[in-house]
Amino acid sequence: MRYRLTFIAGLALGYVLGTRAGRERYEQLKKSARQFAQNPAVRNSAESAAQSGREFAGKAYHAVSDKVGEKVPASVAERVRSLRERGQGQGTEDDWGTSNT
């Protein structure tokens, strides 16, 4: 899924950069993208996916840390800790501009 989204984003970027329609078409695409991103259904899906990812990361961290004990690098532990804290702070903004509610 990630590769498909990356491909679509690259395709859209290539179209915008390569189009001959000029600034007007660019503004139209930008407006459409903004409307898509502001759609409540899209925002809710992004928020639920982010929350699910945080929960999965926490479970994976605990499963791995039980097996490897103290050998988990501090950088990994710190990143997971920051993701868990971010997930618990209701109403905060994440890197994508969606609220964690």
PDB file of N, CA and C in Angstrom:
ATOM      1  N   MET A   1       0.826  -1.186   0.000  1.00  0.00           N
ATOM      2  CA  MET A   1       0.000   0.000   0.000  1.00  0.00           C
ATOM      3  C   MET A   1       0.873   1.254   0.000  1.00  0.00           C
ATOM      4  N   ARG A   2       1.950   1.217   0.781  1.00  0.00           N
ATOM      5  CA  ARG A   2       2.826   2.376   0.868  1.00  0.00           C
ATOM      6  C   ARG A   2       3.446   2.685  -0.490  1.00  0.00           C
ATOM      7  N   TYR A   3       3.816   1.639  -1.211  1.00  0.00           N
ATOM      8  CA  TYR A   3       4.432   1.848  -2.520  1.00  0.00           C
ATOM      9  C   TYR A   3       3.425   2.413  -3.519  1.00  0.00           C
ATOM     10  N   ARG A   4       2.177   1.993  -3.394  1.00  0.00           N
ATOM     11  CA  ARG A   4       1.140   2.506  -4.277  1.00  0.00           C
ATOM     12  C   ARG A   4       0.923   3.997  -4.015  1.00  0.00           C
ATOM     13  N   LEU A   5       0.874   4.378  -2.724  1.00  0.00           N
ATOM     14  CA  LEU A   5       0.701   5.795  -2.391  1.00  0.00           C
ATOM     15  C   LEU A   5       1.897   6.622  -2.845  1.00  0.00           C
ATOM     16  N   THR A   6       3.085   6.071  -2.699  1.00  0.00           N
ATOM     17  CA  THR A   6       4.281   6.774  -3.153  1.00  0.00           C
ATOM     18  C   THR A   6       4.255   6.953  -4.668  1.00  0.00           C
ATOM     19  N   PHE A   7       3.829   5.916  -5.373  1.00  0.00           N
ATOM     20  CA  PHE A   7       3.736   6.007  -6.826  1.00  0.00           C
ATOM     21  C   PHE A   7       2.717   7.062  -7.243  1.00  0.00           C
ATOM     22  N   ILE A   8       1.569   7.070  -6.588  1.00  0.00           N
ATOM     23  CA  ILE A   8       0.526   8.049  -6.927  1.00  0.00           C
ATOM     24  C   ILE A   8       1.006   9.464  -6.633  1.00  0.00           C
ATOM     25  N   ALA A   9       1.679   9.646  -5.490  1.00  0.00           N
ATOM     26  CA  ALA A   9       2.204  10.969  -5.159  1.00  0.00           C
ATOM     27  C   ALA A   9       3.252  11.405  -6.180  1.00  0.00           C
ATOM     28  N   GLY A  10       4.111  10.492  -6.603  1.00  0.00           N
ATOM     29  CA  GLY A  10       5.117  10.815  -7.615  1.00  0.00           C
ATOM     30  C   GLY A  10       4.480  11.129  -8.949  1.00  0.00           C
ATOM     31  N   LEU A  11       3.459  10.395  -9.290  1.00  0.00           N
ATOM     32  CA  LEU A  11       2.737  10.645 -10.539  1.00  0.00           C
ATOM     33  C   LEU A  11       2.092  12.033 -10.518  1.00  0.00           C
ATOM     34  N   ALA A  12       1.461  12.368  -9.391  1.00  0.00           N
ATOM     35  CA  ALA A  12       0.833  13.680  -9.270  1.00  0.00           C
ATOM     36  C   ALA A  12       1.884  14.797  -9.334  1.00  0.00           C
ATOM     37  N   LEU A  13       2.993  14.607  -8.652  1.00  0.00           N
ATOM     38  CA  LEU A  13       4.056  15.605  -8.667  1.00  0.00           C
ATOM     39  C   LEU A  13       4.624  15.766 -10.071  1.00  0.00           C
ATOM     40  N   GLY A  14       4.840  14.663 -10.759  1.00  0.00           N
ATOM     41  CA  GLY A  14       5.336  14.729 -12.131  1.00  0.00           C
ATOM     42  C   GLY A  14       4.368  15.438 -13.050  1.00  0.00           C
ATOM     43  N   TYR A  15       3.093  15.188 -12.839  1.00  0.00           N
ATOM     44  CA  TYR A  15       2.099  15.861 -13.667  1.00  0.00           C
ATOM     45  C   TYR A  15       2.124  17.371 -13.422  1.00  0.00           C
ATOM     46  N   VAL A  16       2.163  17.751 -12.131  1.00  0.00           N
ATOM     47  CA  VAL A  16       2.166  19.178 -11.795  1.00  0.00           C
ATOM     48  C   VAL A  16       3.397  19.861 -12.365  1.00  0.00           C
ATOM     49  N   LEU A  17       4.549  19.228 -12.198  1.00  0.00           N
ATOM     50  CA  LEU A  17       5.782  19.843 -12.670  1.00  0.00           C
ATOM     51  C   LEU A  17       5.890  19.819 -14.188  1.00  0.00           C
ATOM     52  N   GLY A  18       5.301  18.822 -14.823  1.00  0.00           N
ATOM     53  CA  GLY A  18       5.443  18.693 -16.256  1.00  0.00           C
ATOM     54  C   GLY A  18       4.305  19.264 -17.075  1.00  0.00           C
ATOM     55  N   THR A  19       3.282  19.716 -16.420  1.00  0.00           N
ATOM     56  CA  THR A  19       2.120  20.189 -17.169  1.00  0.00           C
ATOM     57  C   THR A  19       2.413  21.492 -17.910  1.00  0.00           C
ATOM     58  N   ARG A  20       1.752  21.655 -19.012  1.00  0.00           N
ATOM     59  CA  ARG A  20       1.910  22.873 -19.801  1.00  0.00           C
ATOM     60  C   ARG A  20       0.776  23.855 -19.540  1.00  0.00           C
ATOM     61  N   ALA A  21      -0.163  23.464 -18.682  1.00  0.00           N
ATOM     62  CA  ALA A  21      -1.313  24.314 -18.402  1.00  0.00           C
ATOM     63  C   ALA A  21      -0.931  25.522 -17.557  1.00  0.00           C
ATOM     64  N   GLY A  22       0.205  25.450 -16.917  1.00  0.00           N
ATOM     65  CA  GLY A  22       0.714  26.603 -16.192  1.00  0.00           C
ATOM     66  C   GLY A  22       0.182  26.757 -14.779  1.00  0.00           C
ATOM     67  N   ARG A  23       0.313  27.956 -14.283  1.00  0.00           N
ATOM     68  CA  ARG A  23      -0.001  28.275 -12.892  1.00  0.00           C
ATOM     69  C   ARG A  23      -1.469  28.039 -12.547  1.00  0.00           C
ATOM     70  N   GLU A  24      -2.351  28.305 -13.493  1.00  0.00           N
ATOM     71  CA  GLU A  24      -3.784  28.143 -13.223  1.00  0.00           C
ATOM     72  C   GLU A  24      -4.120  26.685 -12.884  1.00  0.00           C
ATOM     73  N   ARG A  25      -3.585  25.763 -13.661  1.00  0.00           N
ATOM     74  CA  ARG A  25      -3.831  24.353 -13.407  1.00  0.00           C
ATOM     75  C   ARG A  25      -3.181  23.922 -12.100  1.00  0.00           C
ATOM     76  N   TYR A  26      -2.009  24.448 -11.803  1.00  0.00           N
ATOM     77  CA  TYR A  26      -1.344  24.145 -10.545  1.00  0.00           C
ATOM     78  C   TYR A  26      -2.209  24.581  -9.366  1.00  0.00           C
ATOM     79  N   GLU A  27      -2.749  25.783  -9.437  1.00  0.00           N
ATOM     80  CA  GLU A  27      -3.613  26.287  -8.361  1.00  0.00           C
ATOM     81  C   GLU A  27      -4.867  25.438  -8.234  1.00  0.00           C
ATOM     82  N   GLN A  28      -5.411  25.002  -9.346  1.00  0.00           N
ATOM     83  CA  GLN A  28      -6.595  24.149  -9.324  1.00  0.00           C
ATOM     84  C   GLN A  28      -6.287  22.811  -8.637  1.00  0.00           C
ATOM     85  N   LEU A  29      -5.162  22.215  -8.974  1.00  0.00           N
ATOM     86  CA  LEU A  29      -4.760  20.961  -8.338  1.00  0.00           C
ATOM     87  C   LEU A  29      -4.492  21.146  -6.847  1.00  0.00           C
ATOM     88  N   LYS A  30      -3.867  22.238  -6.503  1.00  0.00           N
ATOM     89  CA  LYS A  30      -3.580  22.531  -5.104  1.00  0.00           C
ATOM     90  C   LYS A  30      -4.873  22.681  -4.310  1.00  0.00           C
ATOM     91  N   LYS A  31      -5.847  23.361  -4.891  1.00  0.00           N
ATOM     92  CA  LYS A  31      -7.141  23.546  -4.237  1.00  0.00           C
ATOM     93  C   LYS A  31      -7.845  22.200  -4.056  1.00  0.00           C
ATOM     94  N   SER A  32      -7.779  21.358  -5.086  1.00  0.00           N
ATOM     95  CA  SER A  32      -8.398  20.032  -4.997  1.00  0.00           C
ATOM     96  C   SER A  32      -7.738  19.180  -3.917  1.00  0.00           C
ATOM     97  N   ALA A  33      -6.428  19.236  -3.846  1.00  0.00           N
ATOM     98  CA  ALA A  33      -5.696  18.478  -2.825  1.00  0.00           C
ATOM     99  C   ALA A  33      -6.041  18.975  -1.432  1.00  0.00           C
ATOM    100  N   ARG A  34      -6.163  20.271  -1.270  1.00  0.00           N
ATOM    101  CA  ARG A  34      -6.525  20.840   0.027  1.00  0.00           C
ATOM    102  C   ARG A  34      -7.940  20.409   0.427  1.00  0.00           C
ATOM    103  N   GLN A  35      -8.869  20.441  -0.525  1.00  0.00           N
ATOM    104  CA  GLN A  35     -10.240  20.007  -0.231  1.00  0.00           C
ATOM    105  C   GLN A  35     -10.266  18.525   0.142  1.00  0.00           C
ATOM    106  N   PHE A  36      -9.482  17.722  -0.552  1.00  0.00           N
ATOM    107  CA  PHE A  36      -9.403  16.301  -0.240  1.00  0.00           C
ATOM    108  C   PHE A  36      -8.867  16.097   1.174  1.00  0.00           C
ATOM    109  N   ALA A  37      -7.809  16.818   1.515  1.00  0.00           N
ATOM    110  CA  ALA A  37      -7.200  16.663   2.830  1.00  0.00           C
ATOM    111  C   ALA A  37      -8.115  17.159   3.943  1.00  0.00           C
ATOM    112  N   GLN A  38      -8.976  18.120   3.653  1.00  0.00           N
ATOM    113  CA  GLN A  38      -9.881  18.668   4.662  1.00  0.00           C
ATOM    114  C   GLN A  38     -11.182  17.866   4.782  1.00  0.00           C
ATOM    115  N   ASN A  39     -11.381  16.904   3.894  1.00  0.00           N
ATOM    116  CA  ASN A  39     -12.583  16.077   3.929  1.00  0.00           C
ATOM    117  C   ASN A  39     -12.617  15.315   5.259  1.00  0.00           C
ATOM    118  N   PRO A  40     -13.731  15.397   5.995  1.00  0.00           N
ATOM    119  CA  PRO A  40     -13.810  14.717   7.299  1.00  0.00           C
ATOM    120  C   PRO A  40     -13.566  13.209   7.214  1.00  0.00           C
ATOM    121  N   ALA A  41     -14.031  12.573   6.167  1.00  0.00           N
ATOM    122  CA  ALA A  41     -13.821  11.128   6.042  1.00  0.00           C
ATOM    123  C   ALA A  41     -12.336  10.808   5.880  1.00  0.00           C
ATOM    124  N   VAL A  42     -11.633  11.619   5.098  1.00  0.00           N
ATOM    125  CA  VAL A  42     -10.197  11.419   4.892  1.00  0.00           C
ATOM    126  C   VAL A  42      -9.449  11.681   6.190  1.00  0.00           C
ATOM    127  N   ARG A  43      -9.804  12.743   6.884  1.00  0.00           N
ATOM    128  CA  ARG A  43      -9.143  13.073   8.152  1.00  0.00           C
ATOM    129  C   ARG A  43      -9.365  11.967   9.184  1.00  0.00           C
ATOM    130  N   ASN A  44     -10.592  11.463   9.269  1.00  0.00           N
ATOM    131  CA  ASN A  44     -10.874  10.391  10.228  1.00  0.00           C
ATOM    132  C   ASN A  44     -10.095   9.132   9.889  1.00  0.00           C
ATOM    133  N   SER A  45     -10.013   8.810   8.609  1.00  0.00           N
ATOM    134  CA  SER A  45      -9.248   7.631   8.197  1.00  0.00           C
ATOM    135  C   SER A  45      -7.772   7.788   8.535  1.00  0.00           C
ATOM    136  N   ALA A  46      -7.231   8.964   8.275  1.00  0.00           N
ATOM    137  CA  ALA A  46      -5.824   9.216   8.585  1.00  0.00           C
ATOM    138  C   ALA A  46      -5.570   9.144  10.088  1.00  0.00           C
ATOM    139  N   GLU A  47      -6.488   9.687  10.868  1.00  0.00           N
ATOM    140  CA  GLU A  47      -6.331   9.658  12.315  1.00  0.00           C
ATOM    141  C   GLU A  47      -6.415   8.240  12.860  1.00  0.00           C
ATOM    142  N   SER A  48      -7.381   7.452  12.354  1.00  0.00           N
ATOM    143  CA  SER A  48      -7.503   6.077  12.844  1.00  0.00           C
ATOM    144  C   SER A  48      -6.296   5.238  12.414  1.00  0.00           C
ATOM    145  N   ALA A  49      -5.775   5.490  11.207  1.00  0.00           N
ATOM    146  CA  ALA A  49      -4.583   4.769  10.762  1.00  0.00           C
ATOM    147  C   ALA A  49      -3.378   5.130  11.631  1.00  0.00           C
ATOM    148  N   ALA A  50      -3.250   6.398  11.975  1.00  0.00           N
ATOM    149  CA  ALA A  50      -2.138   6.825  12.830  1.00  0.00           C
ATOM    150  C   ALA A  50      -2.258   6.199  14.211  1.00  0.00           C
ATOM    151  N   GLN A  51      -3.461   6.178  14.756  1.00  0.00           N
ATOM    152  CA  GLN A  51      -3.674   5.582  16.079  1.00  0.00           C
ATOM    153  C   GLN A  51      -3.380   4.085  16.047  1.00  0.00           C
ATOM    154  N   SER A  52      -3.840   3.408  15.004  1.00  0.00           N
ATOM    155  CA  SER A  52      -3.575   1.972  14.875  1.00  0.00           C
ATOM    156  C   SER A  52      -2.076   1.709  14.757  1.00  0.00           C
ATOM    157  N   GLY A  53      -1.390   2.552  14.023  1.00  0.00           N
ATOM    158  CA  GLY A  53       0.057   2.415  13.886  1.00  0.00           C
ATOM    159  C   GLY A  53       0.784   2.585  15.202  1.00  0.00           C
ATOM    160  N   ARG A  54       0.344   3.565  15.997  1.00  0.00           N
ATOM    161  CA  ARG A  54       0.958   3.767  17.315  1.00  0.00           C
ATOM    162  C   ARG A  54       0.716   2.567  18.222  1.00  0.00           C
ATOM    163  N   GLU A  55      -0.517   2.038  18.190  1.00  0.00           N
ATOM    164  CA  GLU A  55      -0.824   0.873  19.021  1.00  0.00           C
ATOM    165  C   GLU A  55       0.006  -0.333  18.585  1.00  0.00           C
ATOM    166  N   PHE A  56       0.109  -0.540  17.275  1.00  0.00           N
ATOM    167  CA  PHE A  56       0.898  -1.658  16.758  1.00  0.00           C
ATOM    168  C   PHE A  56       2.368  -1.500  17.137  1.00  0.00           C
ATOM    169  N   ALA A  57       2.891  -0.287  17.033  1.00  0.00           N
ATOM    170  CA  ALA A  57       4.296  -0.049  17.382  1.00  0.00           C
ATOM    171  C   ALA A  57       4.538  -0.356  18.854  1.00  0.00           C
ATOM    172  N   GLY A  58       3.606   0.036  19.706  1.00  0.00           N
ATOM    173  CA  GLY A  58       3.750  -0.254  21.133  1.00  0.00           C
ATOM    174  C   GLY A  58       3.745  -1.748  21.411  1.00  0.00           C
ATOM    175  N   LYS A  59       2.815  -2.470  20.770  1.00  0.00           N
ATOM    176  CA  LYS A  59       2.753  -3.927  20.963  1.00  0.00           C
ATOM    177  C   LYS A  59       4.016  -4.595  20.423  1.00  0.00           C
ATOM    178  N   ALA A  60       4.454  -4.165  19.256  1.00  0.00           N
ATOM    179  CA  ALA A  60       5.658  -4.745  18.670  1.00  0.00           C
ATOM    180  C   ALA A  60       6.870  -4.468  19.552  1.00  0.00           C
ATOM    181  N   TYR A  61       6.945  -3.268  20.101  1.00  0.00           N
ATOM    182  CA  TYR A  61       8.067  -2.920  20.964  1.00  0.00           C
ATOM    183  C   TYR A  61       8.109  -3.836  22.182  1.00  0.00           C
ATOM    184  N   HIS A  62       6.943  -4.043  22.796  1.00  0.00           N
ATOM    185  CA  HIS A  62       6.912  -4.908  23.975  1.00  0.00           C
ATOM    186  C   HIS A  62       7.252  -6.350  23.621  1.00  0.00           C
ATOM    187  N   ALA A  63       6.764  -6.835  22.493  1.00  0.00           N
ATOM    188  CA  ALA A  63       7.069  -8.211  22.083  1.00  0.00           C
ATOM    189  C   ALA A  63       8.561  -8.380  21.825  1.00  0.00           C
ATOM    190  N   VAL A  64       9.147  -7.407  21.160  1.00  0.00           N
ATOM    191  CA  VAL A  64      10.576  -7.486  20.850  1.00  0.00           C
ATOM    192  C   VAL A  64      11.412  -7.294  22.113  1.00  0.00           C
ATOM    193  N   SER A  65      11.018  -6.340  22.958  1.00  0.00           N
ATOM    194  CA  SER A  65      11.820  -6.080  24.158  1.00  0.00           C
ATOM    195  C   SER A  65      11.773  -7.256  25.125  1.00  0.00           C
ATOM    196  N   ASP A  66      10.650  -7.990  25.140  1.00  0.00           N
ATOM    197  CA  ASP A  66      10.601  -9.189  25.982  1.00  0.00           C
ATOM    198  C   ASP A  66      11.601 -10.234  25.508  1.00  0.00           C
ATOM    199  N   LYS A  67      11.810 -10.300  24.196  1.00  0.00           N
ATOM    200  CA  LYS A  67      12.713 -11.303  23.640  1.00  0.00           C
ATOM    201  C   LYS A  67      14.176 -10.891  23.710  1.00  0.00           C
ATOM    202  N   VAL A  68      14.452  -9.611  23.534  1.00  0.00           N
ATOM    203  CA  VAL A  68      15.853  -9.191  23.492  1.00  0.00           C
ATOM    204  C   VAL A  68      16.308  -8.494  24.771  1.00  0.00           C
ATOM    205  N   GLY A  69      15.382  -8.211  25.655  1.00  0.00           N
ATOM    206  CA  GLY A  69      15.740  -7.640  26.951  1.00  0.00           C
ATOM    207  C   GLY A  69      16.336  -6.254  26.843  1.00  0.00           C
ATOM    208  N   GLU A  70      17.488  -6.075  27.458  1.00  0.00           N
ATOM    209  CA  GLU A  70      18.133  -4.765  27.528  1.00  0.00           C
ATOM    210  C   GLU A  70      18.900  -4.409  26.258  1.00  0.00           C
ATOM    211  N   LYS A  71      18.841  -5.222  25.240  1.00  0.00           N
ATOM    212  CA  LYS A  71      19.606  -4.976  24.029  1.00  0.00           C
ATOM    213  C   LYS A  71      18.906  -4.034  23.055  1.00  0.00           C
ATOM    214  N   VAL A  72      17.704  -3.564  23.392  1.00  0.00           N
ATOM    215  CA  VAL A  72      16.997  -2.616  22.523  1.00  0.00           C
ATOM    216  C   VAL A  72      17.759  -1.293  22.558  1.00  0.00           C
ATOM    217  N   PRO A  73      18.146  -0.769  21.408  1.00  0.00           N
ATOM    218  CA  PRO A  73      18.889   0.502  21.393  1.00  0.00           C
ATOM    219  C   PRO A  73      18.070   1.631  22.021  1.00  0.00           C
ATOM    220  N   ALA A  74      18.753   2.519  22.673  1.00  0.00           N
ATOM    221  CA  ALA A  74      18.082   3.632  23.341  1.00  0.00           C
ATOM    222  C   ALA A  74      17.322   4.496  22.353  1.00  0.00           C
ATOM    223  N   SER A  75      17.834   4.637  21.126  1.00  0.00           N
ATOM    224  CA  SER A  75      17.148   5.456  20.131  1.00  0.00           C
ATOM    225  C   SER A  75      15.796   4.864  19.757  1.00  0.00           C
ATOM    226  N   VAL A  76      15.716   3.546  19.665  1.00  0.00           N
ATOM    227  CA  VAL A  76      14.450   2.887  19.349  1.00  0.00           C
ATOM    228  C   VAL A  76      13.483   3.053  20.511  1.00  0.00           C
ATOM    229  N   ALA A  77      13.969   2.831  21.720  1.00  0.00           N
ATOM    230  CA  ALA A  77      13.114   2.973  22.900  1.00  0.00           C
ATOM    231  C   ALA A  77      12.581   4.391  23.018  1.00  0.00           C
ATOM    232  N   GLU A  78      13.419   5.376  22.759  1.00  0.00           N
ATOM    233  CA  GLU A  78      12.998   6.774  22.848  1.00  0.00           C
ATOM    234  C   GLU A  78      11.955   7.115  21.788  1.00  0.00           C
ATOM    235  N   ARG A  79      12.130   6.612  20.582  1.00  0.00           N
ATOM    236  CA  ARG A  79      11.170   6.879  19.506  1.00  0.00           C
ATOM    237  C   ARG A  79       9.801   6.276  19.830  1.00  0.00           C
ATOM    238  N   VAL A  80       9.788   5.049  20.305  1.00  0.00           N
ATOM    239  CA  VAL A  80       8.525   4.411  20.670  1.00  0.00           C
ATOM    240  C   VAL A  80       7.869   5.169  21.819  1.00  0.00           C
ATOM    241  N   ARG A  81       8.670   5.577  22.786  1.00  0.00           N
ATOM    242  CA  ARG A  81       8.139   6.333  23.922  1.00  0.00           C
ATOM    243  C   ARG A  81       7.505   7.644  23.449  1.00  0.00           C
ATOM    244  N   SER A  82       8.162   8.334  22.528  1.00  0.00           N
ATOM    245  CA  SER A  82       7.607   9.599  22.041  1.00  0.00           C
ATOM    246  C   SER A  82       6.325   9.370  21.240  1.00  0.00           C
ATOM    247  N   LEU A  83       6.259   8.272  20.485  1.00  0.00           N
ATOM    248  CA  LEU A  83       5.030   7.956  19.753  1.00  0.00           C
ATOM    249  C   LEU A  83       3.891   7.640  20.706  1.00  0.00           C
ATOM    250  N   ARG A  84       4.177   6.938  21.774  1.00  0.00           N
ATOM    251  CA  ARG A  84       3.132   6.593  22.741  1.00  0.00           C
ATOM    252  C   ARG A  84       2.647   7.847  23.463  1.00  0.00           C
ATOM    253  N   GLU A  85       3.557   8.742  23.821  1.00  0.00           N
ATOM    254  CA  GLU A  85       3.157   9.984  24.488  1.00  0.00           C
ATOM    255  C   GLU A  85       2.329  10.851  23.561  1.00  0.00           C
ATOM    256  N   ARG A  86       2.699  10.905  22.301  1.00  0.00           N
ATOM    257  CA  ARG A  86       1.956  11.693  21.312  1.00  0.00           C
ATOM    258  C   ARG A  86       0.548  11.142  21.151  1.00  0.00           C
ATOM    259  N   GLY A  87       0.414   9.830  21.182  1.00  0.00           N
ATOM    260  CA  GLY A  87      -0.890   9.195  21.041  1.00  0.00           C
ATOM    261  C   GLY A  87      -1.794   9.444  22.223  1.00  0.00           C
ATOM    262  N   GLN A  88      -1.200   9.662  23.404  1.00  0.00           N
ATOM    263  CA  GLN A  88      -2.004   9.894  24.599  1.00  0.00           C
ATOM    264  C   GLN A  88      -2.404  11.352  24.750  1.00  0.00           C
ATOM    265  N   GLY A  89      -1.683  12.265  24.111  1.00  0.00           N
ATOM    266  CA  GLY A  89      -2.013  13.684  24.192  1.00  0.00           C
ATOM    267  C   GLY A  89      -3.154  14.024  23.249  1.00  0.00           C
ATOM    268  N   GLN A  90      -4.362  13.955  23.726  1.00  0.00           N
ATOM    269  CA  GLN A  90      -5.530  14.180  22.875  1.00  0.00           C
ATOM    270  C   GLN A  90      -5.558  15.618  22.385  1.00  0.00           C
ATOM    271  N   GLY A  91      -5.899  15.781  21.107  1.00  0.00           N
ATOM    272  CA  GLY A  91      -6.049  17.104  20.535  1.00  0.00           C
ATOM    273  C   GLY A  91      -4.771  17.728  20.030  1.00  0.00           C
ATOM    274  N   THR A  92      -3.676  17.009  20.077  1.00  0.00           N
ATOM    275  CA  THR A  92      -2.427  17.566  19.569  1.00  0.00           C
ATOM    276  C   THR A  92      -2.322  17.302  18.078  1.00  0.00           C
ATOM    277  N   GLU A  93      -1.473  18.042  17.402  1.00  0.00           N
ATOM    278  CA  GLU A  93      -1.285  17.875  15.964  1.00  0.00           C
ATOM    279  C   GLU A  93      -0.142  16.910  15.721  1.00  0.00           C
ATOM    280  N   ASP A  94      -0.311  16.017  14.729  1.00  0.00           N
ATOM    281  CA  ASP A  94       0.777  15.128  14.365  1.00  0.00           C
ATOM    282  C   ASP A  94       1.515  15.707  13.163  1.00  0.00           C
ATOM    283  N   ASP A  95       2.474  14.962  12.627  1.00  0.00           N
ATOM    284  CA  ASP A  95       3.288  15.452  11.516  1.00  0.00           C
ATOM    285  C   ASP A  95       2.487  15.716  10.247  1.00  0.00           C
ATOM    286  N   TRP A  96       1.285  15.133  10.154  1.00  0.00           N
ATOM    287  CA  TRP A  96       0.477  15.259   8.957  1.00  0.00           C
ATOM    288  C   TRP A  96      -0.548  16.373   9.078  1.00  0.00           C
ATOM    289  N   GLY A  97      -0.611  17.031  10.225  1.00  0.00           N
ATOM    290  CA  GLY A  97      -1.576  18.111  10.407  1.00  0.00           C
ATOM    291  C   GLY A  97      -2.953  17.634  10.804  1.00  0.00           C
ATOM    292  N   THR A  98      -3.049  16.368  11.217  1.00  0.00           N
ATOM    293  CA  THR A  98      -4.330  15.868  11.684  1.00  0.00           C
ATOM    294  C   THR A  98      -4.284  15.759  13.190  1.00  0.00           C
ATOM    295  N   SER A  99      -5.414  15.962  13.822  1.00  0.00           N
ATOM    296  CA  SER A  99      -5.444  15.905  15.284  1.00  0.00           C
ATOM    297  C   SER A  99      -5.537  14.456  15.719  1.00  0.00           C
ATOM    298  N   ASN A 100      -4.996  14.164  16.858  1.00  0.00           N
ATOM    299  CA  ASN A 100      -4.998  12.812  17.414  1.00  0.00           C
ATOM    300  C   ASN A 100      -6.184  12.659  18.356  1.00  0.00           C
ATOM    301  N   THR A 101      -7.361  12.694  17.811  1.00  0.00           N
ATOM    302  CA  THR A 101      -8.550  12.556  18.661  1.00  0.00           C
ATOM    303  C   THR A 101      -9.205  11.239  18.463  1.00  0.00           C
TER     304      THR A 101
END
